[in-house]
Amino acid sequence: MSDASPTIDDPELGTFTRATSELTDGSVLTHDWFVGTVSVEGTELELMLEGTTPDEVTLLLPRMREVVKRLHTLRRIATDAVVTNFTTGEPDPQDLDDAASDLALEAIEATPDGTVILHFTDSCGEHFPEGYWPAVHLGIDDAVQQVTVES
């Protein structure tokens, strides 16, 4: 008999389990990704690996490890991209610094094509409406591919 909810243990990133949500009627929705958490600089970050089987997800672990190791640099690239995307003209250096402190990284998502998506929240509530957050999509070369607002 196979395990309905297999786990994946990574020595650097910890344990990942298949993501689920319990609906109000008590039924459980199983998502097409695995989730885990990692502590970086005193903050717990959600890690999401897109895939439905341990074999699919295990292939994404090296990319996620690399991103977590370089997170300080990638985070600044991403917050600068958010400001640049929503500013007309050249962003002011102070605006870039403010975004770096105001946008709190909440989750990192890795996809099979090598894209990594950094999901932020607006910690001061001054930049994005309640229930919306910026997400920065980084390509395999860590270049910004897209900045989106999600809900």
Protein backbone atom coordinates (compact mmCIF):
# COMPACT_ATOMS: atom_id res chain seq x y z
CA MET A 1 0.00 0.00 0.00
CA SER A 2 1.45 3.40 -0.93
CA ASP A 3 1.62 6.36 1.39
CA ALA A 4 -1.16 8.82 0.47
CA SER A 5 0.91 11.76 1.73
CA PRO A 6 4.59 11.02 1.15
CA THR A 7 7.21 13.30 2.62
CA ILE A 8 10.53 14.41 1.20
CA ASP A 9 13.41 15.00 3.60
CA ASP A 10 16.21 17.31 2.50
CA PRO A 11 19.25 17.71 4.78
CA GLU A 12 19.46 21.48 4.09
CA LEU A 13 15.84 22.52 3.61
CA GLY A 14 13.98 20.14 5.90
CA THR A 15 10.82 18.13 5.29
CA PHE A 16 8.33 18.73 2.50
CA THR A 17 4.78 17.35 2.42
CA ARG A 18 2.07 17.43 -0.20
CA ALA A 19 0.09 20.65 0.27
CA THR A 20 -3.54 20.35 1.31
CA SER A 21 -6.33 22.70 2.35
CA GLU A 22 -9.33 21.79 4.44
CA LEU A 23 -12.54 23.27 3.07
CA THR A 24 -15.38 24.56 5.24
CA ASP A 25 -17.38 21.36 4.62
CA GLY A 26 -14.50 19.30 6.04
CA SER A 27 -13.32 17.90 2.73
CA VAL A 28 -9.62 18.15 1.90
CA LEU A 29 -8.26 19.64 -1.31
CA THR A 30 -4.85 18.28 -2.38
CA HIS A 31 -2.68 20.78 -4.26
CA ASP A 32 -0.14 20.22 -7.03
CA TRP A 33 2.85 21.18 -4.91
CA PHE A 34 4.80 20.19 -1.82
CA VAL A 35 5.45 22.60 1.04
CA GLY A 36 8.02 23.04 3.75
CA THR A 37 9.55 25.82 5.81
CA VAL A 38 13.05 27.05 6.39
CA SER A 39 14.40 29.62 8.82
CA VAL A 40 16.50 32.35 7.18
CA GLU A 41 17.90 35.17 9.31
CA GLY A 42 15.32 34.48 12.03
CA THR A 43 12.33 34.42 9.69
CA GLU A 44 10.33 31.32 8.79
CA LEU A 45 9.78 31.17 5.04
CA GLU A 46 7.34 28.89 3.27
CA LEU A 47 8.95 26.84 0.50
CA MET A 48 6.76 25.52 -2.33
CA LEU A 49 7.93 22.96 -4.86
CA GLU A 50 5.64 22.50 -7.85
CA GLY A 51 4.87 18.86 -8.59
CA THR A 52 2.60 16.02 -7.60
CA THR A 53 5.10 13.24 -6.89
CA PRO A 54 8.27 13.02 -4.83
CA ASP A 55 10.23 12.21 -8.00
CA GLU A 56 9.09 15.47 -9.67
CA VAL A 57 9.74 17.57 -6.60
CA THR A 58 13.14 16.09 -5.75
CA LEU A 59 14.43 17.49 -9.06
CA LEU A 60 13.63 21.01 -7.81
CA LEU A 61 15.58 20.74 -4.55
CA PRO A 62 19.01 21.80 -5.92
CA ARG A 63 17.49 25.00 -7.37
CA MET A 64 15.70 25.77 -4.11
CA ARG A 65 18.88 25.15 -2.08
CA GLU A 66 20.78 27.55 -4.35
CA VAL A 67 18.11 30.24 -3.99
CA VAL A 68 18.02 29.97 -0.19
CA LYS A 69 21.82 30.26 -0.02
CA ARG A 70 21.75 33.41 -2.16
CA LEU A 71 18.56 34.82 -0.71
CA HIS A 72 20.05 38.04 0.62
CA THR A 73 21.14 39.08 -2.88
CA LEU A 74 18.06 37.75 -4.68
CA ARG A 75 15.72 39.42 -2.23
CA ARG A 76 17.23 42.85 -2.99
CA ILE A 77 17.07 42.21 -6.74
CA ALA A 78 13.39 41.35 -6.29
CA THR A 79 12.42 44.33 -4.12
CA ASP A 80 14.23 46.68 -6.51
CA ALA A 81 12.25 45.09 -9.37
CA VAL A 82 8.95 45.73 -7.56
CA VAL A 83 9.78 49.43 -7.16
CA THR A 84 11.05 49.75 -10.73
CA ASN A 85 7.94 48.04 -12.10
CA PHE A 86 5.53 50.38 -10.28
CA THR A 87 7.49 53.63 -10.67
CA THR A 88 7.38 55.92 -13.66
CA GLY A 89 10.87 57.08 -14.47
CA GLU A 90 14.00 56.18 -12.53
CA PRO A 91 13.29 55.04 -8.97
CA ASP A 92 14.74 57.10 -6.15
CA PRO A 93 17.45 55.26 -4.13
CA GLN A 94 15.46 55.94 -0.95
CA ASP A 95 12.40 54.25 -2.50
CA LEU A 96 14.53 51.18 -3.25
CA ASP A 97 15.80 51.09 0.33
CA ASP A 98 12.29 51.57 1.72
CA ALA A 99 10.99 48.66 -0.36
CA ALA A 100 13.84 46.47 0.84
CA SER A 101 12.71 47.05 4.42
CA ASP A 102 8.92 47.27 3.85
CA LEU A 103 8.46 44.18 1.65
CA ALA A 104 8.71 41.05 3.77
CA LEU A 105 9.53 37.81 2.00
CA GLU A 106 6.89 35.21 2.89
CA ALA A 107 7.34 32.35 0.44
CA ILE A 108 9.60 30.96 -2.26
CA GLU A 109 8.14 28.85 -5.04
CA ALA A 110 10.17 26.69 -7.45
CA THR A 111 8.74 25.43 -10.75
CA PRO A 112 9.92 22.62 -13.05
CA ASP A 113 11.25 25.07 -15.69
CA GLY A 114 13.69 26.57 -13.15
CA THR A 115 11.66 29.69 -12.45
CA VAL A 116 11.61 30.81 -8.82
CA ILE A 117 8.88 33.09 -7.55
CA LEU A 118 9.48 35.23 -4.47
CA HIS A 119 6.21 36.17 -2.73
CA PHE A 120 6.26 39.28 -0.52
CA THR A 121 3.87 41.00 1.85
CA ASP A 122 3.66 44.72 2.45
CA SER A 123 4.69 44.86 6.11
CA CYS A 124 3.64 48.49 6.58
CA GLY A 125 0.41 48.33 4.55
CA GLU A 126 1.25 51.46 2.56
CA HIS A 127 2.12 49.99 -0.82
CA PHE A 128 -0.42 47.28 -1.68
CA PRO A 129 -4.10 46.91 -0.76
CA GLU A 130 -5.07 44.35 1.88
CA GLY A 131 -5.17 40.86 0.36
CA TYR A 132 -2.74 41.65 -2.48
CA TRP A 133 1.00 41.04 -2.61
CA PRO A 134 3.84 41.46 -5.09
CA ALA A 135 5.57 38.42 -6.53
CA VAL A 136 8.81 38.47 -8.49
CA HIS A 137 9.52 35.72 -11.02
CA LEU A 138 13.22 34.95 -11.48
CA GLY A 139 14.48 32.90 -14.42
CA ILE A 140 17.04 30.12 -14.20
CA ASP A 141 19.75 32.80 -14.51
CA ASP A 142 18.10 34.74 -11.62
CA ALA A 143 17.16 37.60 -13.95
CA VAL A 144 13.76 39.16 -13.27
CA GLN A 145 11.27 37.80 -15.80
CA GLN A 146 8.10 39.32 -14.42
CA VAL A 147 6.65 41.24 -11.47
CA THR A 148 3.04 40.46 -10.63
CA VAL A 149 0.47 41.46 -8.03
CA GLU A 150 -1.35 38.44 -6.66
CA SER A 151 -4.31 37.93 -4.37
